[in-house]
Amino acid sequence: MPFKSPFPPVPLETQPYGERMLDVLWRHGAANPTKKAMICAETPQFSVTYHELYHHSLAVAAFLETQGFKKGDVLLTVLPNSWEFFEVLIGAALRGIAVTGVSMLFTECKYVSCVLNGRIVERFR
């Protein structure tokens, strides 16, 4: 049986994901210049602010452009659970690049399978 929500419909997003994330990071960083966006659980002295995430995301987007990545490419990432994943995700979104992550514990055979079964262009390590 269908369910009808008592709430109004959620408006559709009109801004690309990467641009929206940059806008949010910048505005939050401007309002809270020293506030940490993420803190490393294992090593709390390692942290990143909202503006640092913003600038790092732009740097990733610029790097991907210099490496010849284009809209529609798929980027395979091999990263631990860290804030760098968000920088790569936002930077890739700015270029129209899809991101897929794989476990650092995969064997070489599993990596090859991921690459052959998708349109993977490059790997970050």
PDB file of N, CA and C in Angstrom:
ATOM      1  N   MET A   1       0.840  -1.169   0.000  1.00  0.00           N
ATOM      2  CA  MET A   1       0.000   0.000   0.000  1.00  0.00           C
ATOM      3  C   MET A   1       0.889   1.237   0.000  1.00  0.00           C
ATOM      4  N   PRO A   2       0.669   2.172  -0.914  1.00  0.00           N
ATOM      5  CA  PRO A   2       1.484   3.395  -0.969  1.00  0.00           C
ATOM      6  C   PRO A   2       1.319   4.224   0.291  1.00  0.00           C
ATOM      7  N   PHE A   3       2.384   4.917   0.623  1.00  0.00           N
ATOM      8  CA  PHE A   3       2.377   5.775   1.798  1.00  0.00           C
ATOM      9  C   PHE A   3       2.491   7.221   1.340  1.00  0.00           C
ATOM     10  N   LYS A   4       1.637   8.080   1.827  1.00  0.00           N
ATOM     11  CA  LYS A   4       1.689   9.498   1.484  1.00  0.00           C
ATOM     12  C   LYS A   4       2.242  10.254   2.681  1.00  0.00           C
ATOM     13  N   SER A   5       3.309  10.958   2.459  1.00  0.00           N
ATOM     14  CA  SER A   5       3.944  11.721   3.523  1.00  0.00           C
ATOM     15  C   SER A   5       3.124  12.959   3.851  1.00  0.00           C
ATOM     16  N   PRO A   6       3.052  13.310   5.123  1.00  0.00           N
ATOM     17  CA  PRO A   6       2.351  14.539   5.504  1.00  0.00           C
ATOM     18  C   PRO A   6       3.207  15.792   5.244  1.00  0.00           C
ATOM     19  N   PHE A   7       4.465  15.586   4.876  1.00  0.00           N
ATOM     20  CA  PHE A   7       5.388  16.693   4.657  1.00  0.00           C
ATOM     21  C   PHE A   7       5.385  17.126   3.197  1.00  0.00           C
ATOM     22  N   PRO A   8       5.750  18.375   2.931  1.00  0.00           N
ATOM     23  CA  PRO A   8       5.807  18.826   1.541  1.00  0.00           C
ATOM     24  C   PRO A   8       6.954  18.125   0.796  1.00  0.00           C
ATOM     25  N   PRO A   9       6.881  18.049  -0.528  1.00  0.00           N
ATOM     26  CA  PRO A   9       7.966  17.410  -1.288  1.00  0.00           C
ATOM     27  C   PRO A   9       9.301  18.132  -1.090  1.00  0.00           C
ATOM     28  N   VAL A  10      10.360  17.357  -1.128  1.00  0.00           N
ATOM     29  CA  VAL A  10      11.701  17.925  -1.034  1.00  0.00           C
ATOM     30  C   VAL A  10      12.029  18.545  -2.390  1.00  0.00           C
ATOM     31  N   PRO A  11      12.485  19.800  -2.405  1.00  0.00           N
ATOM     32  CA  PRO A  11      12.793  20.413  -3.700  1.00  0.00           C
ATOM     33  C   PRO A  11      13.972  19.721  -4.384  1.00  0.00           C
ATOM     34  N   LEU A  12      13.920  19.660  -5.697  1.00  0.00           N
ATOM     35  CA  LEU A  12      15.009  19.068  -6.463  1.00  0.00           C
ATOM     36  C   LEU A  12      16.226  19.977  -6.433  1.00  0.00           C
ATOM     37  N   GLU A  13      17.387  19.380  -6.384  1.00  0.00           N
ATOM     38  CA  GLU A  13      18.638  20.146  -6.383  1.00  0.00           C
ATOM     39  C   GLU A  13      18.868  20.727  -7.775  1.00  0.00           C
ATOM     40  N   THR A  14      19.265  21.980  -7.814  1.00  0.00           N
ATOM     41  CA  THR A  14      19.506  22.636  -9.105  1.00  0.00           C
ATOM     42  C   THR A  14      20.983  22.938  -9.330  1.00  0.00           C
ATOM     43  N   GLN A  15      21.788  22.764  -8.307  1.00  0.00           N
ATOM     44  CA  GLN A  15      23.212  23.075  -8.389  1.00  0.00           C
ATOM     45  C   GLN A  15      23.997  21.763  -8.430  1.00  0.00           C
ATOM     46  N   PRO A  16      25.054  21.662  -9.259  1.00  0.00           N
ATOM     47  CA  PRO A  16      25.874  20.446  -9.265  1.00  0.00           C
ATOM     48  C   PRO A  16      26.463  20.158  -7.878  1.00  0.00           C
ATOM     49  N   TYR A  17      26.610  18.868  -7.574  1.00  0.00           N
ATOM     50  CA  TYR A  17      27.065  18.439  -6.252  1.00  0.00           C
ATOM     51  C   TYR A  17      28.379  19.100  -5.832  1.00  0.00           C
ATOM     52  N   GLY A  18      29.381  19.074  -6.686  1.00  0.00           N
ATOM     53  CA  GLY A  18      30.688  19.640  -6.330  1.00  0.00           C
ATOM     54  C   GLY A  18      30.598  21.121  -5.998  1.00  0.00           C
ATOM     55  N   GLU A  19      29.865  21.869  -6.812  1.00  0.00           N
ATOM     56  CA  GLU A  19      29.706  23.308  -6.560  1.00  0.00           C
ATOM     57  C   GLU A  19      28.946  23.544  -5.263  1.00  0.00           C
ATOM     58  N   ARG A  20      27.924  22.755  -5.023  1.00  0.00           N
ATOM     59  CA  ARG A  20      27.134  22.904  -3.792  1.00  0.00           C
ATOM     60  C   ARG A  20      28.002  22.647  -2.567  1.00  0.00           C
ATOM     61  N   MET A  21      28.807  21.585  -2.619  1.00  0.00           N
ATOM     62  CA  MET A  21      29.675  21.267  -1.486  1.00  0.00           C
ATOM     63  C   MET A  21      30.702  22.377  -1.249  1.00  0.00           C
ATOM     64  N   LEU A  22      31.303  22.903  -2.319  1.00  0.00           N
ATOM     65  CA  LEU A  22      32.259  23.998  -2.157  1.00  0.00           C
ATOM     66  C   LEU A  22      31.590  25.213  -1.521  1.00  0.00           C
ATOM     67  N   ASP A  23      30.392  25.525  -1.971  1.00  0.00           N
ATOM     68  CA  ASP A  23      29.662  26.667  -1.422  1.00  0.00           C
ATOM     69  C   ASP A  23      29.414  26.483   0.074  1.00  0.00           C
ATOM     70  N   VAL A  24      28.978  25.296   0.457  1.00  0.00           N
ATOM     71  CA  VAL A  24      28.711  25.016   1.873  1.00  0.00           C
ATOM     72  C   VAL A  24      30.002  25.080   2.688  1.00  0.00           C
ATOM     73  N   LEU A  25      31.083  24.475   2.172  1.00  0.00           N
ATOM     74  CA  LEU A  25      32.362  24.514   2.895  1.00  0.00           C
ATOM     75  C   LEU A  25      32.851  25.941   3.086  1.00  0.00           C
ATOM     76  N   TRP A  26      32.751  26.750   2.027  1.00  0.00           N
ATOM     77  CA  TRP A  26      33.238  28.124   2.110  1.00  0.00           C
ATOM     78  C   TRP A  26      32.428  28.941   3.112  1.00  0.00           C
ATOM     79  N   ARG A  27      31.098  28.846   3.021  1.00  0.00           N
ATOM     80  CA  ARG A  27      30.242  29.631   3.918  1.00  0.00           C
ATOM     81  C   ARG A  27      30.436  29.207   5.370  1.00  0.00           C
ATOM     82  N   HIS A  28      30.522  27.901   5.612  1.00  0.00           N
ATOM     83  CA  HIS A  28      30.714  27.432   6.992  1.00  0.00           C
ATOM     84  C   HIS A  28      32.095  27.837   7.506  1.00  0.00           C
ATOM     85  N   GLY A  29      33.096  27.774   6.638  1.00  0.00           N
ATOM     86  CA  GLY A  29      34.440  28.202   7.037  1.00  0.00           C
ATOM     87  C   GLY A  29      34.511  29.690   7.326  1.00  0.00           C
ATOM     88  N   ALA A  30      33.772  30.494   6.562  1.00  0.00           N
ATOM     89  CA  ALA A  30      33.760  31.944   6.791  1.00  0.00           C
ATOM     90  C   ALA A  30      33.109  32.269   8.134  1.00  0.00           C
ATOM     91  N   ALA A  31      32.082  31.516   8.483  1.00  0.00           N
ATOM     92  CA  ALA A  31      31.388  31.749   9.756  1.00  0.00           C
ATOM     93  C   ALA A  31      32.166  31.191  10.946  1.00  0.00           C
ATOM     94  N   ASN A  32      33.011  30.194  10.688  1.00  0.00           N
ATOM     95  CA  ASN A  32      33.763  29.514  11.763  1.00  0.00           C
ATOM     96  C   ASN A  32      35.190  29.272  11.300  1.00  0.00           C
ATOM     97  N   PRO A  33      36.012  30.327  11.195  1.00  0.00           N
ATOM     98  CA  PRO A  33      37.334  30.200  10.567  1.00  0.00           C
ATOM     99  C   PRO A  33      38.282  29.176  11.200  1.00  0.00           C
ATOM    100  N   THR A  34      38.190  28.953  12.482  1.00  0.00           N
ATOM    101  CA  THR A  34      39.132  28.036  13.131  1.00  0.00           C
ATOM    102  C   THR A  34      38.494  26.690  13.475  1.00  0.00           C
ATOM    103  N   LYS A  35      37.214  26.540  13.193  1.00  0.00           N
ATOM    104  CA  LYS A  35      36.525  25.301  13.536  1.00  0.00           C
ATOM    105  C   LYS A  35      37.016  24.159  12.642  1.00  0.00           C
ATOM    106  N   LYS A  36      37.247  23.024  13.268  1.00  0.00           N
ATOM    107  CA  LYS A  36      37.726  21.847  12.545  1.00  0.00           C
ATOM    108  C   LYS A  36      36.554  21.154  11.852  1.00  0.00           C
ATOM    109  N   ALA A  37      36.731  20.840  10.585  1.00  0.00           N
ATOM    110  CA  ALA A  37      35.715  20.098   9.840  1.00  0.00           C
ATOM    111  C   ALA A  37      35.834  18.617  10.171  1.00  0.00           C
ATOM    112  N   MET A  38      37.072  18.140  10.280  1.00  0.00           N
ATOM    113  CA  MET A  38      37.328  16.737  10.600  1.00  0.00           C
ATOM    114  C   MET A  38      38.576  16.643  11.457  1.00  0.00           C
ATOM    115  N   ILE A  39      38.532  15.687  12.375  1.00  0.00           N
ATOM    116  CA  ILE A  39      39.664  15.426  13.262  1.00  0.00           C
ATOM    117  C   ILE A  39      39.968  13.939  13.174  1.00  0.00           C
ATOM    118  N   CYS A  40      41.237  13.614  13.008  1.00  0.00           N
ATOM    119  CA  CYS A  40      41.655  12.219  12.928  1.00  0.00           C
ATOM    120  C   CYS A  40      41.429  11.540  14.281  1.00  0.00           C
ATOM    121  N   ALA A  41      40.653  10.450  14.291  1.00  0.00           N
ATOM    122  CA  ALA A  41      40.346   9.747  15.541  1.00  0.00           C
ATOM    123  C   ALA A  41      41.587   9.088  16.132  1.00  0.00           C
ATOM    124  N   GLU A  42      42.467   8.569  15.273  1.00  0.00           N
ATOM    125  CA  GLU A  42      43.656   7.880  15.755  1.00  0.00           C
ATOM    126  C   GLU A  42      44.726   8.850  16.228  1.00  0.00           C
ATOM    127  N   THR A  43      44.836   9.985  15.543  1.00  0.00           N
ATOM    128  CA  THR A  43      45.850  10.990  15.873  1.00  0.00           C
ATOM    129  C   THR A  43      45.174  12.354  15.899  1.00  0.00           C
ATOM    130  N   PRO A  44      44.572  12.743  17.025  1.00  0.00           N
ATOM    131  CA  PRO A  44      43.762  13.971  17.090  1.00  0.00           C
ATOM    132  C   PRO A  44      44.482  15.260  16.717  1.00  0.00           C
ATOM    133  N   GLN A  45      45.807  15.287  16.747  1.00  0.00           N
ATOM    134  CA  GLN A  45      46.498  16.519  16.350  1.00  0.00           C
ATOM    135  C   GLN A  45      46.405  16.753  14.844  1.00  0.00           C
ATOM    136  N   PHE A  46      46.012  15.729  14.084  1.00  0.00           N
ATOM    137  CA  PHE A  46      45.788  15.898  12.645  1.00  0.00           C
ATOM    138  C   PHE A  46      44.324  16.246  12.419  1.00  0.00           C
ATOM    139  N   SER A  47      44.104  17.418  11.854  1.00  0.00           N
ATOM    140  CA  SER A  47      42.743  17.877  11.597  1.00  0.00           C
ATOM    141  C   SER A  47      42.753  18.772  10.373  1.00  0.00           C
ATOM    142  N   VAL A  48      41.558  19.120   9.914  1.00  0.00           N
ATOM    143  CA  VAL A  48      41.422  19.970   8.743  1.00  0.00           C
ATOM    144  C   VAL A  48      40.237  20.905   8.973  1.00  0.00           C
ATOM    145  N   THR A  49      40.405  22.167   8.597  1.00  0.00           N
ATOM    146  CA  THR A  49      39.317  23.139   8.727  1.00  0.00           C
ATOM    147  C   THR A  49      38.444  23.095   7.476  1.00  0.00           C
ATOM    148  N   TYR A  50      37.318  23.804   7.528  1.00  0.00           N
ATOM    149  CA  TYR A  50      36.416  23.853   6.377  1.00  0.00           C
ATOM    150  C   TYR A  50      37.079  24.515   5.175  1.00  0.00           C
ATOM    151  N   HIS A  51      37.823  25.595   5.421  1.00  0.00           N
ATOM    152  CA  HIS A  51      38.498  26.264   4.304  1.00  0.00           C
ATOM    153  C   HIS A  51      39.622  25.401   3.733  1.00  0.00           C
ATOM    154  N   GLU A  52      40.282  24.634   4.570  1.00  0.00           N
ATOM    155  CA  GLU A  52      41.306  23.719   4.064  1.00  0.00           C
ATOM    156  C   GLU A  52      40.674  22.646   3.177  1.00  0.00           C
ATOM    157  N   LEU A  53      39.533  22.100   3.591  1.00  0.00           N
ATOM    158  CA  LEU A  53      38.821  21.138   2.741  1.00  0.00           C
ATOM    159  C   LEU A  53      38.453  21.769   1.405  1.00  0.00           C
ATOM    160  N   TYR A  54      38.010  23.009   1.445  1.00  0.00           N
ATOM    161  CA  TYR A  54      37.647  23.749   0.241  1.00  0.00           C
ATOM    162  C   TYR A  54      38.836  23.843  -0.717  1.00  0.00           C
ATOM    163  N   HIS A  55      39.969  24.328  -0.191  1.00  0.00           N
ATOM    164  CA  HIS A  55      41.156  24.517  -1.030  1.00  0.00           C
ATOM    165  C   HIS A  55      41.734  23.186  -1.525  1.00  0.00           C
ATOM    166  N   HIS A  56      41.727  22.166  -0.678  1.00  0.00           N
ATOM    167  CA  HIS A  56      42.240  20.862  -1.088  1.00  0.00           C
ATOM    168  C   HIS A  56      41.359  20.252  -2.189  1.00  0.00           C
ATOM    169  N   SER A  57      40.049  20.450  -2.089  1.00  0.00           N
ATOM    170  CA  SER A  57      39.133  19.941  -3.115  1.00  0.00           C
ATOM    171  C   SER A  57      39.401  20.610  -4.459  1.00  0.00           C
ATOM    172  N   LEU A  58      39.642  21.922  -4.436  1.00  0.00           N
ATOM    173  CA  LEU A  58      39.981  22.631  -5.671  1.00  0.00           C
ATOM    174  C   LEU A  58      41.310  22.129  -6.236  1.00  0.00           C
ATOM    175  N   ALA A  59      42.261  21.840  -5.359  1.00  0.00           N
ATOM    176  CA  ALA A  59      43.558  21.329  -5.808  1.00  0.00           C
ATOM    177  C   ALA A  59      43.403  19.962  -6.473  1.00  0.00           C
ATOM    178  N   VAL A  60      42.554  19.116  -5.919  1.00  0.00           N
ATOM    179  CA  VAL A  60      42.303  17.802  -6.531  1.00  0.00           C
ATOM    180  C   VAL A  60      41.672  17.981  -7.908  1.00  0.00           C
ATOM    181  N   ALA A  61      40.691  18.882  -8.012  1.00  0.00           N
ATOM    182  CA  ALA A  61      40.040  19.139  -9.304  1.00  0.00           C
ATOM    183  C   ALA A  61      41.064  19.615 -10.332  1.00  0.00           C
ATOM    184  N   ALA A  62      41.964  20.510  -9.921  1.00  0.00           N
ATOM    185  CA  ALA A  62      42.995  21.013 -10.829  1.00  0.00           C
ATOM    186  C   ALA A  62      43.955  19.893 -11.232  1.00  0.00           C
ATOM    187  N   PHE A  63      44.338  19.056 -10.276  1.00  0.00           N
ATOM    188  CA  PHE A  63      45.225  17.935 -10.575  1.00  0.00           C
ATOM    189  C   PHE A  63      44.586  16.992 -11.594  1.00  0.00           C
ATOM    190  N   LEU A  64      43.312  16.667 -11.369  1.00  0.00           N
ATOM    191  CA  LEU A  64      42.620  15.755 -12.289  1.00  0.00           C
ATOM    192  C   LEU A  64      42.580  16.333 -13.701  1.00  0.00           C
ATOM    193  N   GLU A  65      42.407  17.645 -13.786  1.00  0.00           N
ATOM    194  CA  GLU A  65      42.400  18.292 -15.108  1.00  0.00           C
ATOM    195  C   GLU A  65      43.762  18.170 -15.782  1.00  0.00           C
ATOM    196  N   THR A  66      44.837  18.378 -15.018  1.00  0.00           N
ATOM    197  CA  THR A  66      46.174  18.291 -15.609  1.00  0.00           C
ATOM    198  C   THR A  66      46.506  16.867 -16.046  1.00  0.00           C
ATOM    199  N   GLN A  67      45.832  15.887 -15.425  1.00  0.00           N
ATOM    200  CA  GLN A  67      46.086  14.488 -15.758  1.00  0.00           C
ATOM    201  C   GLN A  67      45.198  13.983 -16.886  1.00  0.00           C
ATOM    202  N   GLY A  68      44.372  14.871 -17.441  1.00  0.00           N
ATOM    203  CA  GLY A  68      43.559  14.497 -18.592  1.00  0.00           C
ATOM    204  C   GLY A  68      42.217  13.868 -18.274  1.00  0.00           C
ATOM    205  N   PHE A  69      41.804  13.914 -17.025  1.00  0.00           N
ATOM    206  CA  PHE A  69      40.492  13.388 -16.676  1.00  0.00           C
ATOM    207  C   PHE A  69      39.421  14.292 -17.267  1.00  0.00           C
ATOM    208  N   LYS A  70      38.317  13.683 -17.684  1.00  0.00           N
ATOM    209  CA  LYS A  70      37.239  14.476 -18.263  1.00  0.00           C
ATOM    210  C   LYS A  70      35.894  13.987 -17.733  1.00  0.00           C
ATOM    211  N   LYS A  71      34.882  14.783 -17.974  1.00  0.00           N
ATOM    212  CA  LYS A  71      33.534  14.459 -17.523  1.00  0.00           C
ATOM    213  C   LYS A  71      33.144  13.071 -18.023  1.00  0.00           C
ATOM    214  N   GLY A  72      32.591  12.273 -17.117  1.00  0.00           N
ATOM    215  CA  GLY A  72      32.159  10.928 -17.464  1.00  0.00           C
ATOM    216  C   GLY A  72      33.166   9.848 -17.125  1.00  0.00           C
ATOM    217  N   ASP A  73      34.417  10.221 -16.815  1.00  0.00           N
ATOM    218  CA  ASP A  73      35.412   9.228 -16.409  1.00  0.00           C
ATOM    219  C   ASP A  73      35.054   8.692 -15.023  1.00  0.00           C
ATOM    220  N   VAL A  74      35.631   7.534 -14.688  1.00  0.00           N
ATOM    221  CA  VAL A  74      35.439   6.934 -13.371  1.00  0.00           C
ATOM    222  C   VAL A  74      36.803   6.834 -12.704  1.00  0.00           C
ATOM    223  N   LEU A  75      36.898   7.321 -11.494  1.00  0.00           N
ATOM    224  CA  LEU A  75      38.143   7.331 -10.731  1.00  0.00           C
ATOM    225  C   LEU A  75      38.082   6.263  -9.651  1.00  0.00           C
ATOM    226  N   LEU A  76      39.017   5.329  -9.677  1.00  0.00           N
ATOM    227  CA  LEU A  76      39.115   4.292  -8.656  1.00  0.00           C
ATOM    228  C   LEU A  76      40.034   4.791  -7.558  1.00  0.00           C
ATOM    229  N   THR A  77      39.544   4.829  -6.324  1.00  0.00           N
ATOM    230  CA  THR A  77      40.373   5.286  -5.208  1.00  0.00           C
ATOM    231  C   THR A  77      40.678   4.124  -4.283  1.00  0.00           C
ATOM    232  N   VAL A  78      41.896   4.112  -3.787  1.00  0.00           N
ATOM    233  CA  VAL A  78      42.330   3.135  -2.802  1.00  0.00           C
ATOM    234  C   VAL A  78      42.829   3.956  -1.622  1.00  0.00           C
ATOM    235  N   LEU A  79      41.906   4.323  -0.750  1.00  0.00           N
ATOM    236  CA  LEU A  79      42.223   5.215   0.362  1.00  0.00           C
ATOM    237  C   LEU A  79      41.700   4.636   1.674  1.00  0.00           C
ATOM    238  N   PRO A  80      42.409   4.913   2.765  1.00  0.00           N
ATOM    239  CA  PRO A  80      41.846   4.538   4.068  1.00  0.00           C
ATOM    240  C   PRO A  80      40.670   5.465   4.387  1.00  0.00           C
ATOM    241  N   ASN A  81      39.937   5.144   5.427  1.00  0.00           N
ATOM    242  CA  ASN A  81      38.860   6.034   5.865  1.00  0.00           C
ATOM    243  C   ASN A  81      39.489   7.303   6.423  1.00  0.00           C
ATOM    244  N   SER A  82      39.433   8.367   5.618  1.00  0.00           N
ATOM    245  CA  SER A  82      40.056   9.625   6.028  1.00  0.00           C
ATOM    246  C   SER A  82      39.383  10.780   5.313  1.00  0.00           C
ATOM    247  N   TRP A  83      39.694  11.996   5.752  1.00  0.00           N
ATOM    248  CA  TRP A  83      39.083  13.167   5.116  1.00  0.00           C
ATOM    249  C   TRP A  83      39.575  13.369   3.696  1.00  0.00           C
ATOM    250  N   GLU A  84      40.708  12.794   3.353  1.00  0.00           N
ATOM    251  CA  GLU A  84      41.204  12.911   1.985  1.00  0.00           C
ATOM    252  C   GLU A  84      40.203  12.344   0.978  1.00  0.00           C
ATOM    253  N   PHE A  85      39.427  11.338   1.400  1.00  0.00           N
ATOM    254  CA  PHE A  85      38.420  10.786   0.511  1.00  0.00           C
ATOM    255  C   PHE A  85      37.409  11.865   0.116  1.00  0.00           C
ATOM    256  N   PHE A  86      37.016  12.699   1.066  1.00  0.00           N
ATOM    257  CA  PHE A  86      36.055  13.771   0.767  1.00  0.00           C
ATOM    258  C   PHE A  86      36.657  14.794  -0.186  1.00  0.00           C
ATOM    259  N   GLU A  87      37.929  15.106  -0.012  1.00  0.00           N
ATOM    260  CA  GLU A  87      38.588  16.041  -0.921  1.00  0.00           C
ATOM    261  C   GLU A  87      38.616  15.486  -2.342  1.00  0.00           C
ATOM    262  N   VAL A  88      38.910  14.195  -2.469  1.00  0.00           N
ATOM    263  CA  VAL A  88      38.934  13.556  -3.784  1.00  0.00           C
ATOM    264  C   VAL A  88      37.518  13.501  -4.365  1.00  0.00           C
ATOM    265  N   LEU A  89      36.541  13.145  -3.542  1.00  0.00           N
ATOM    266  CA  LEU A  89      35.155  13.052  -3.996  1.00  0.00           C
ATOM    267  C   LEU A  89      34.646  14.399  -4.507  1.00  0.00           C
ATOM    268  N   ILE A  90      34.864  15.470  -3.752  1.00  0.00           N
ATOM    269  CA  ILE A  90      34.392  16.793  -4.157  1.00  0.00           C
ATOM    270  C   ILE A  90      35.174  17.288  -5.367  1.00  0.00           C
ATOM    271  N   GLY A  91      36.494  17.113  -5.353  1.00  0.00           N
ATOM    272  CA  GLY A  91      37.314  17.537  -6.490  1.00  0.00           C
ATOM    273  C   GLY A  91      36.908  16.834  -7.774  1.00  0.00           C
ATOM    274  N   ALA A  92      36.639  15.542  -7.689  1.00  0.00           N
ATOM    275  CA  ALA A  92      36.202  14.790  -8.866  1.00  0.00           C
ATOM    276  C   ALA A  92      34.817  15.256  -9.322  1.00  0.00           C
ATOM    277  N   ALA A  93      33.931  15.515  -8.385  1.00  0.00           N
ATOM    278  CA  ALA A  93      32.580  15.978  -8.730  1.00  0.00           C
ATOM    279  C   ALA A  93      32.637  17.306  -9.479  1.00  0.00           C
ATOM    280  N   LEU A  94      33.582  18.152  -9.116  1.00  0.00           N
ATOM    281  CA  LEU A  94      33.727  19.436  -9.814  1.00  0.00           C
ATOM    282  C   LEU A  94      34.078  19.232 -11.289  1.00  0.00           C
ATOM    283  N   ARG A  95      34.733  18.134 -11.609  1.00  0.00           N
ATOM    284  CA  ARG A  95      35.122  17.834 -12.994  1.00  0.00           C
ATOM    285  C   ARG A  95      34.116  16.919 -13.688  1.00  0.00           C
ATOM    286  N   GLY A  96      33.060  16.494 -12.963  1.00  0.00           N
ATOM    287  CA  GLY A  96      32.076  15.595 -13.560  1.00  0.00           C
ATOM    288  C   GLY A  96      32.546  14.158 -13.614  1.00  0.00           C
ATOM    289  N   ILE A  97      33.431  13.803 -12.687  1.00  0.00           N
ATOM    290  CA  ILE A  97      34.031  12.473 -12.644  1.00  0.00           C
ATOM    291  C   ILE A  97      33.378  11.655 -11.534  1.00  0.00           C
ATOM    292  N   ALA A  98      33.003  10.433 -11.839  1.00  0.00           N
ATOM    293  CA  ALA A  98      32.451   9.529 -10.829  1.00  0.00           C
ATOM    294  C   ALA A  98      33.600   8.936 -10.022  1.00  0.00           C
ATOM    295  N   VAL A  99      33.351   8.676  -8.751  1.00  0.00           N
ATOM    296  CA  VAL A  99      34.372   8.095  -7.878  1.00  0.00           C
ATOM    297  C   VAL A  99      33.857   6.770  -7.345  1.00  0.00           C
ATOM    298  N   THR A 100      34.713   5.772  -7.394  1.00  0.00           N
ATOM    299  CA  THR A 100      34.406   4.494  -6.761  1.00  0.00           C
ATOM    300  C   THR A 100      35.576   4.139  -5.857  1.00  0.00           C
ATOM    301  N   GLY A 101      35.272   3.669  -4.693  1.00  0.00           N
ATOM    302  CA  GLY A 101      36.313   3.298  -3.743  1.00  0.00           C
ATOM    303  C   GLY A 101      36.402   1.794  -3.604  1.00  0.00           C
ATOM    304  N   VAL A 102      37.607   1.297  -3.417  1.00  0.00           N
ATOM    305  CA  VAL A 102      37.806  -0.123  -3.161  1.00  0.00           C
ATOM    306  C   VAL A 102      38.664  -0.276  -1.917  1.00  0.00           C
ATOM    307  N   SER A 103      38.568  -1.437  -1.315  1.00  0.00           N
ATOM    308  CA  SER A 103      39.276  -1.718  -0.078  1.00  0.00           C
ATOM    309  C   SER A 103      40.779  -1.774  -0.290  1.00  0.00           C
ATOM    310  N   MET A 104      41.503  -1.291   0.699  1.00  0.00           N
ATOM    311  CA  MET A 104      42.963  -1.392   0.668  1.00  0.00           C
ATOM    312  C   MET A 104      43.409  -2.842   0.840  1.00  0.00           C
ATOM    313  N   LEU A 105      42.492  -3.705   1.251  1.00  0.00           N
ATOM    314  CA  LEU A 105      42.824  -5.115   1.483  1.00  0.00           C
ATOM    315  C   LEU A 105      42.615  -5.995   0.260  1.00  0.00           C
ATOM    316  N   PHE A 106      42.114  -5.411  -0.839  1.00  0.00           N
ATOM    317  CA  PHE A 106      41.906  -6.190  -2.057  1.00  0.00           C
ATOM    318  C   PHE A 106      43.228  -6.737  -2.583  1.00  0.00           C
ATOM    319  N   THR A 107      43.160  -7.897  -3.220  1.00  0.00           N
ATOM    320  CA  THR A 107      44.334  -8.459  -3.877  1.00  0.00           C
ATOM    321  C   THR A 107      44.494  -7.779  -5.240  1.00  0.00           C
ATOM    322  N   GLU A 108      45.658  -7.969  -5.847  1.00  0.00           N
ATOM    323  CA  GLU A 108      45.890  -7.397  -7.172  1.00  0.00           C
ATOM    324  C   GLU A 108      44.859  -7.919  -8.171  1.00  0.00           C
ATOM    325  N   CYS A 109      44.502  -9.178  -8.052  1.00  0.00           N
ATOM    326  CA  CYS A 109      43.506  -9.779  -8.947  1.00  0.00           C
ATOM    327  C   CYS A 109      42.160  -9.064  -8.811  1.00  0.00           C
ATOM    328  N   LYS A 110      41.784  -8.728  -7.601  1.00  0.00           N
ATOM    329  CA  LYS A 110      40.516  -8.034  -7.366  1.00  0.00           C
ATOM    330  C   LYS A 110      40.570  -6.619  -7.955  1.00  0.00           C
ATOM    331  N   TYR A 111      41.704  -5.934  -7.825  1.00  0.00           N
ATOM    332  CA  TYR A 111      41.861  -4.602  -8.433  1.00  0.00           C
ATOM    333  C   TYR A 111      41.689  -4.684  -9.944  1.00  0.00           C
ATOM    334  N   VAL A 112      42.333  -5.675 -10.550  1.00  0.00           N
ATOM    335  CA  VAL A 112      42.239  -5.846 -12.004  1.00  0.00           C
ATOM    336  C   VAL A 112      40.784  -6.083 -12.398  1.00  0.00           C
ATOM    337  N   SER A 113      40.082  -6.886 -11.626  1.00  0.00           N
ATOM    338  CA  SER A 113      38.670  -7.146 -11.891  1.00  0.00           C
ATOM    339  C   SER A 113      37.859  -5.857 -11.832  1.00  0.00           C
ATOM    340  N   CYS A 114      38.127  -5.012 -10.844  1.00  0.00           N
ATOM    341  CA  CYS A 114      37.426  -3.727 -10.717  1.00  0.00           C
ATOM    342  C   CYS A 114      37.690  -2.844 -11.934  1.00  0.00           C
ATOM    343  N   VAL A 115      38.922  -2.824 -12.382  1.00  0.00           N
ATOM    344  CA  VAL A 115      39.289  -1.986 -13.527  1.00  0.00           C
ATOM    345  C   VAL A 115      38.657  -2.517 -14.808  1.00  0.00           C
ATOM    346  N   LEU A 116      38.694  -3.833 -15.009  1.00  0.00           N
ATOM    347  CA  LEU A 116      38.160  -4.421 -16.235  1.00  0.00           C
ATOM    348  C   LEU A 116      36.633  -4.345 -16.302  1.00  0.00           C
ATOM    349  N   ASN A 117      35.974  -4.358 -15.147  1.00  0.00           N
ATOM    350  CA  ASN A 117      34.511  -4.343 -15.121  1.00  0.00           C
ATOM    351  C   ASN A 117      33.926  -2.943 -15.074  1.00  0.00           C
ATOM    352  N   GLY A 118      34.767  -1.939 -15.046  1.00  0.00           N
ATOM    353  CA  GLY A 118      34.298  -0.550 -15.033  1.00  0.00           C
ATOM    354  C   GLY A 118      35.129   0.269 -15.991  1.00  0.00           C
ATOM    355  N   ARG A 119      34.791   1.541 -16.109  1.00  0.00           N
ATOM    356  CA  ARG A 119      35.548   2.429 -16.990  1.00  0.00           C
ATOM    357  C   ARG A 119      36.542   3.220 -16.143  1.00  0.00           C
ATOM    358  N   ILE A 120      37.384   2.528 -15.441  1.00  0.00           N
ATOM    359  CA  ILE A 120      38.310   3.149 -14.509  1.00  0.00           C
ATOM    360  C   ILE A 120      39.468   3.774 -15.273  1.00  0.00           C
ATOM    361  N   VAL A 121      39.849   5.001 -14.873  1.00  0.00           N
ATOM    362  CA  VAL A 121      40.884   5.715 -15.581  1.00  0.00           C
ATOM    363  C   VAL A 121      42.187   5.756 -14.791  1.00  0.00           C
ATOM    364  N   GLU A 122      42.124   6.014 -13.508  1.00  0.00           N
ATOM    365  CA  GLU A 122      43.350   6.216 -12.728  1.00  0.00           C
ATOM    366  C   GLU A 122      43.114   5.758 -11.297  1.00  0.00           C
ATOM    367  N   ARG A 123      44.186   5.483 -10.593  1.00  0.00           N
ATOM    368  CA  ARG A 123      44.079   5.112  -9.183  1.00  0.00           C
ATOM    369  C   ARG A 123      44.916   6.062  -8.351  1.00  0.00           C
ATOM    370  N   PHE A 124      44.406   6.416  -7.171  1.00  0.00           N
ATOM    371  CA  PHE A 124      45.172   7.155  -6.177  1.00  0.00           C
ATOM    372  C   PHE A 124      45.610   6.166  -5.122  1.00  0.00           C
ATOM    373  N   ARG A 125      46.829   6.310  -4.645  1.00  0.00           N
ATOM    374  CA  ARG A 125      47.310   5.452  -3.564  1.00  0.00           C
ATOM    375  C   ARG A 125      47.890   6.325  -2.483  1.00  0.00           C
TER     376      ARG A 125
END
